[in-house]
Amino acid sequence: MCEPAMNDGGKQQRRHVAVVMPAYNAALTLEKTFRDIPAGVVDEVILVDDASSDATAAIARSLGISVILHDKNSGYGANQKTCYDAALERGADIVLMIHPDYQYDARIAPYALGFLTADICDVVMGSRIRTRQETLDCGMPLYKYISNRFLTFIENIILGQNLGDFHSGFRGYTRRVLETIPYHENSNDFVFDTEFLAQAAFYGFRIGDVPIPTRYFAEASSINFLRSAVYGTETLLVMIKYILQKTGLRKFPIFNNPSARNKTSAYGSKPSP
């Protein structure tokens, strides 16, 4: 296991931590989400407003959040691309994505960040699935729970992981991950998240998770049954692409970063052809 980054005095270096919030019509929940982030944990918060029709941007500015506006609604994946570009441009060493819809408990931020700053993980997920009963009691619809369990089981097998929840919207990445993964090749829609984790596994990054309380309520963003079915199908297609890429039968742009081909991951492995 790699040691934490140290300075000449033997002390762990201070990392610049940015929270990014991909937002769309989050006016009713943004402030509650923001105020749940423990004080002193992050250096800046960046919100990308995907052409909301409400006061999301105005509320964000009133809270001292850096705001970037999309001229038109470009999609969840496109929003994340802007989020990560902005965080990297501002010198972030660690980027934590928190949805501003108050569905994920932002109080968990320092614990998730700890695995990244201590160089234990390169990617940290917030897992909503601790027990079946707890997840359903928190409001996750039964059909979403079943599809989550099925897809997470398949993804763990194919990607060689052991995660509790592949489809969480609470995620943390090191700068190295964001600079290695060609995320601009990813979808502009919801399957962006699945592609990103497949890429992280492909490039040999260490992926871990922490339990996170979640809330399901009217104002929390959530895709409907039809969109969920489309998302599930697209997720399985990403797994097929991963298998084809790993076996060398076909190449896909989402797994093609020429500058990373001769790099090792944080713990010494190289991506397969």
Protein backbone atom coordinates (compact mmCIF):
# COMPACT_ATOMS: atom_id res chain seq x y z
CA MET A 1 0.00 0.00 0.00
CA CYS A 2 1.31 3.44 -0.85
CA GLU A 3 2.26 5.80 1.95
CA PRO A 4 0.49 9.18 2.37
CA ALA A 5 2.14 12.13 0.64
CA MET A 6 4.70 13.66 2.99
CA ASN A 7 6.65 16.89 2.94
CA ASP A 8 10.32 17.21 3.86
CA GLY A 9 9.48 17.47 7.55
CA GLY A 10 7.74 14.10 7.52
CA LYS A 11 4.27 15.54 7.97
CA GLN A 12 1.32 14.73 5.76
CA GLN A 13 0.82 17.48 3.18
CA ARG A 14 -2.31 19.61 3.22
CA ARG A 15 -4.55 18.78 0.27
CA HIS A 16 -6.76 21.28 -1.52
CA VAL A 17 -10.27 19.83 -1.29
CA ALA A 18 -13.14 20.96 -3.50
CA VAL A 19 -16.78 19.93 -3.29
CA VAL A 20 -18.61 20.00 -6.61
CA MET A 21 -22.38 20.10 -6.89
CA PRO A 22 -24.03 19.23 -10.22
CA ALA A 23 -27.29 21.13 -9.84
CA TYR A 24 -30.62 21.37 -11.60
CA ASN A 25 -33.59 23.05 -9.89
CA ALA A 26 -32.15 22.52 -6.42
CA ALA A 27 -33.40 25.75 -4.84
CA LEU A 28 -35.45 24.00 -2.15
CA THR A 29 -32.65 21.75 -0.91
CA LEU A 30 -29.35 23.44 -1.72
CA GLU A 31 -28.92 25.41 1.51
CA LYS A 32 -29.68 22.42 3.73
CA THR A 33 -27.14 20.32 1.82
CA PHE A 34 -24.50 23.04 1.99
CA ARG A 35 -24.92 23.65 5.71
CA ASP A 36 -24.53 19.94 6.46
CA ILE A 37 -20.94 20.00 5.15
CA PRO A 38 -18.83 20.19 8.34
CA ALA A 39 -16.96 23.48 8.74
CA GLY A 40 -13.28 23.45 7.85
CA VAL A 41 -13.41 20.20 5.91
CA VAL A 42 -13.32 21.59 2.36
CA ASP A 43 -11.57 24.58 0.81
CA GLU A 44 -14.22 25.55 -1.70
CA VAL A 45 -17.59 24.55 -3.07
CA ILE A 46 -18.33 24.77 -6.79
CA LEU A 47 -21.87 24.50 -8.14
CA VAL A 48 -22.64 24.00 -11.83
CA ASP A 49 -26.20 25.06 -12.63
CA ASP A 50 -27.52 23.14 -15.63
CA ALA A 51 -29.90 25.90 -16.78
CA SER A 52 -32.25 25.65 -13.80
CA SER A 53 -35.61 27.40 -13.99
CA ASP A 54 -35.60 28.24 -10.26
CA ALA A 55 -33.35 30.30 -7.95
CA THR A 56 -30.61 27.69 -7.56
CA ALA A 57 -27.81 29.97 -8.79
CA ALA A 58 -28.93 32.96 -6.71
CA ILE A 59 -29.14 30.90 -3.53
CA ALA A 60 -25.73 29.38 -4.19
CA ARG A 61 -24.15 32.81 -4.60
CA SER A 62 -25.78 34.01 -1.37
CA LEU A 63 -24.09 31.12 0.43
CA GLY A 64 -20.67 32.01 -0.96
CA ILE A 65 -20.59 29.09 -3.39
CA SER A 66 -18.74 29.52 -6.68
CA VAL A 67 -21.32 29.24 -9.47
CA ILE A 68 -20.88 28.21 -13.09
CA LEU A 69 -23.90 28.49 -15.37
CA HIS A 70 -24.77 26.34 -18.37
CA ASP A 71 -26.59 28.28 -21.08
CA LYS A 72 -28.79 25.28 -21.79
CA ASN A 73 -29.68 22.05 -20.05
CA SER A 74 -26.89 19.69 -21.11
CA GLY A 75 -27.50 16.65 -18.92
CA TYR A 76 -26.19 15.16 -15.69
CA GLY A 77 -23.01 13.81 -17.26
CA ALA A 78 -22.22 17.07 -19.02
CA ASN A 79 -22.72 18.87 -15.71
CA GLN A 80 -20.15 16.65 -14.03
CA LYS A 81 -17.65 17.28 -16.83
CA THR A 82 -17.86 21.00 -16.13
CA CYS A 83 -17.62 20.34 -12.38
CA TYR A 84 -14.40 18.36 -12.67
CA ASP A 85 -12.84 20.69 -15.22
CA ALA A 86 -13.44 23.63 -12.89
CA ALA A 87 -12.09 21.82 -9.82
CA LEU A 88 -8.91 20.79 -11.64
CA GLU A 89 -8.40 24.30 -13.02
CA ARG A 90 -8.62 25.65 -9.47
CA GLY A 91 -5.95 23.29 -8.21
CA ALA A 92 -8.03 20.73 -6.34
CA ASP A 93 -6.11 17.69 -5.12
CA ILE A 94 -9.30 15.91 -4.02
CA VAL A 95 -12.79 16.39 -5.43
CA LEU A 96 -15.92 15.33 -3.60
CA MET A 97 -19.22 15.29 -5.50
CA ILE A 98 -22.32 15.93 -3.42
CA HIS A 99 -25.74 16.24 -5.04
CA PRO A 100 -27.43 19.42 -3.79
CA ASP A 101 -30.83 17.72 -3.53
CA TYR A 102 -30.30 16.75 0.15
CA GLN A 103 -30.64 13.06 -0.66
CA TYR A 104 -27.12 12.21 0.56
CA ASP A 105 -25.95 13.13 4.05
CA ALA A 106 -23.11 15.62 3.56
CA ARG A 107 -22.01 15.18 7.19
CA ILE A 108 -20.16 12.05 6.06
CA ALA A 109 -17.72 14.18 4.01
CA PRO A 110 -14.76 14.13 6.44
CA TYR A 111 -14.90 10.35 6.76
CA ALA A 112 -14.96 9.81 3.01
CA LEU A 113 -12.17 12.32 2.55
CA GLY A 114 -10.06 10.51 5.14
CA PHE A 115 -9.65 7.46 2.90
CA LEU A 116 -8.45 9.72 0.10
CA THR A 117 -6.12 11.98 2.08
CA ALA A 118 -4.57 8.95 3.82
CA ASP A 119 -3.95 7.41 0.37
CA ILE A 120 -5.96 4.32 1.19
CA CYS A 121 -8.35 4.78 -1.75
CA ASP A 122 -8.29 6.69 -5.02
CA VAL A 123 -12.07 6.64 -5.36
CA VAL A 124 -14.58 6.62 -2.49
CA MET A 125 -18.29 5.95 -2.86
CA GLY A 126 -21.07 6.62 -0.40
CA SER A 127 -23.01 3.36 -0.09
CA ARG A 128 -26.75 3.65 0.53
CA ILE A 129 -27.10 -0.09 1.04
CA ARG A 130 -26.12 -1.08 4.57
CA THR A 131 -29.14 -3.29 5.23
CA ARG A 132 -32.19 -3.98 3.09
CA GLN A 133 -34.61 -2.81 5.76
CA GLU A 134 -32.77 0.43 6.44
CA THR A 135 -32.58 1.28 2.75
CA LEU A 136 -36.27 0.68 2.19
CA ASP A 137 -37.19 2.51 5.40
CA CYS A 138 -35.27 5.53 4.11
CA GLY A 139 -37.62 5.59 1.13
CA MET A 140 -35.83 3.86 -1.73
CA PRO A 141 -38.55 2.41 -3.99
CA LEU A 142 -38.56 -1.38 -4.04
CA TYR A 143 -37.98 -1.58 -7.80
CA LYS A 144 -34.91 0.64 -7.44
CA TYR A 145 -33.59 -1.47 -4.60
CA ILE A 146 -33.97 -4.66 -6.66
CA SER A 147 -32.36 -3.15 -9.75
CA ASN A 148 -29.55 -1.67 -7.66
CA ARG A 149 -28.79 -5.04 -6.09
CA PHE A 150 -28.84 -6.79 -9.47
CA LEU A 151 -26.68 -4.23 -11.28
CA THR A 152 -24.22 -3.86 -8.38
CA PHE A 153 -23.81 -7.66 -8.25
CA ILE A 154 -23.05 -7.82 -11.98
CA GLU A 155 -20.69 -4.85 -11.86
CA ASN A 156 -18.74 -6.24 -8.90
CA ILE A 157 -18.15 -9.50 -10.75
CA ILE A 158 -17.16 -7.93 -14.06
CA LEU A 159 -15.05 -5.10 -12.64
CA GLY A 160 -13.46 -7.20 -9.91
CA GLN A 161 -14.71 -5.01 -7.06
CA ASN A 162 -16.61 -5.52 -3.81
CA LEU A 163 -18.69 -2.35 -3.51
CA GLY A 164 -22.02 -2.08 -1.73
CA ASP A 165 -23.57 0.44 -4.12
CA PHE A 166 -22.34 1.23 -7.62
CA HIS A 167 -25.01 3.86 -8.23
CA SER A 168 -24.50 6.38 -5.47
CA GLY A 169 -24.39 10.11 -6.18
CA PHE A 170 -21.90 10.72 -3.37
CA ARG A 171 -18.36 10.23 -4.69
CA GLY A 172 -14.81 11.32 -4.01
CA TYR A 173 -11.86 11.30 -6.42
CA THR A 174 -8.19 12.17 -6.24
CA ARG A 175 -6.73 14.53 -8.79
CA ARG A 176 -4.77 11.65 -10.33
CA VAL A 177 -8.01 9.82 -11.10
CA LEU A 178 -9.57 12.84 -12.81
CA GLU A 179 -6.41 13.54 -14.80
CA THR A 180 -6.15 9.91 -15.97
CA ILE A 181 -9.73 9.04 -16.86
CA PRO A 182 -10.88 10.48 -20.23
CA TYR A 183 -14.26 11.50 -18.82
CA HIS A 184 -14.99 13.87 -21.69
CA GLU A 185 -15.54 10.74 -23.79
CA ASN A 186 -18.37 9.72 -21.45
CA SER A 187 -22.09 10.14 -21.89
CA ASN A 188 -23.76 13.45 -21.05
CA ASP A 189 -26.57 11.50 -19.37
CA PHE A 190 -26.88 9.47 -16.16
CA VAL A 191 -24.76 6.54 -17.35
CA PHE A 192 -21.74 8.85 -17.03
CA ASP A 193 -21.37 7.55 -13.46
CA THR A 194 -21.25 3.90 -14.53
CA GLU A 195 -18.72 4.67 -17.25
CA PHE A 196 -16.54 6.53 -14.76
CA LEU A 197 -16.38 3.60 -12.34
CA ALA A 198 -15.67 1.17 -15.17
CA GLN A 199 -12.83 3.46 -16.25
CA ALA A 200 -11.51 3.68 -12.70
CA ALA A 201 -11.41 -0.12 -12.51
CA PHE A 202 -9.84 -0.35 -15.97
CA TYR A 203 -7.00 1.97 -14.98
CA GLY A 204 -6.38 0.07 -11.76
CA PHE A 205 -7.50 2.63 -9.21
CA ARG A 206 -8.42 1.59 -5.69
CA ILE A 207 -12.17 1.97 -5.14
CA GLY A 208 -13.74 1.85 -1.68
CA ASP A 209 -16.99 2.86 -0.03
CA VAL A 210 -18.43 4.18 3.22
CA PRO A 211 -22.02 3.85 4.49
CA ILE A 212 -24.08 6.99 3.99
CA PRO A 213 -27.62 7.74 5.19
CA THR A 214 -29.94 8.72 2.35
CA ARG A 215 -33.29 10.42 2.11
CA TYR A 216 -36.04 9.96 -0.46
CA PHE A 217 -38.64 12.73 -0.58
CA ALA A 218 -40.51 14.84 -3.12
CA GLU A 219 -37.80 17.46 -3.60
CA ALA A 220 -34.95 14.96 -3.95
CA SER A 221 -34.09 14.36 -7.59
CA SER A 222 -34.76 10.84 -8.79
CA ILE A 223 -35.33 9.35 -12.21
CA ASN A 224 -38.63 7.62 -12.97
CA PHE A 225 -39.19 3.95 -13.79
CA LEU A 226 -38.75 4.36 -17.56
CA ARG A 227 -35.53 6.34 -17.20
CA SER A 228 -34.34 3.79 -14.65
CA ALA A 229 -34.95 0.98 -17.15
CA VAL A 230 -32.96 2.85 -19.81
CA TYR A 231 -30.19 3.54 -17.31
CA GLY A 232 -30.04 -0.13 -16.32
CA THR A 233 -29.74 -1.20 -19.95
CA GLU A 234 -27.01 1.35 -20.60
CA THR A 235 -25.16 0.15 -17.50
CA LEU A 236 -25.11 -3.41 -18.82
CA LEU A 237 -23.84 -2.13 -22.18
CA VAL A 238 -20.96 -0.42 -20.38
CA MET A 239 -20.09 -3.76 -18.78
CA ILE A 240 -20.05 -5.39 -22.22
CA LYS A 241 -17.74 -2.65 -23.50
CA TYR A 242 -15.45 -3.23 -20.53
CA ILE A 243 -15.22 -6.95 -21.25
CA LEU A 244 -14.53 -6.36 -24.93
CA GLN A 245 -11.85 -3.77 -24.12
CA LYS A 246 -10.17 -5.96 -21.51
CA THR A 247 -10.09 -8.97 -23.82
CA GLY A 248 -8.75 -6.88 -26.70
CA LEU A 249 -11.67 -7.73 -28.97
CA ARG A 250 -12.61 -4.09 -29.43
CA LYS A 251 -11.50 -0.65 -28.29
CA PHE A 252 -13.71 2.15 -27.02
CA PRO A 253 -12.91 5.86 -26.57
CA ILE A 254 -13.96 5.83 -22.90
CA PHE A 255 -11.04 3.50 -22.15
CA ASN A 256 -8.53 5.24 -24.40
CA ASN A 257 -6.20 7.73 -22.74
CA PRO A 258 -2.87 7.46 -24.60
CA SER A 259 -1.07 9.51 -21.96
CA ALA A 260 -2.02 6.93 -19.33
CA ARG A 261 -0.91 3.84 -21.21
CA ASN A 262 2.57 3.78 -19.70
CA LYS A 263 1.54 4.99 -16.26
CA THR A 264 1.00 2.72 -13.32
CA SER A 265 -1.88 3.26 -10.97
CA ALA A 266 -1.37 4.42 -7.40
CA TYR A 267 -0.41 0.88 -6.39
CA GLY A 268 1.59 -0.24 -9.37
CA SER A 269 -0.77 -1.94 -11.84
CA LYS A 270 -1.19 -0.96 -15.46
CA PRO A 271 -4.38 -0.85 -17.52
CA SER A 272 -4.93 -3.80 -19.81
CA PRO A 273 -4.90 -3.30 -23.62
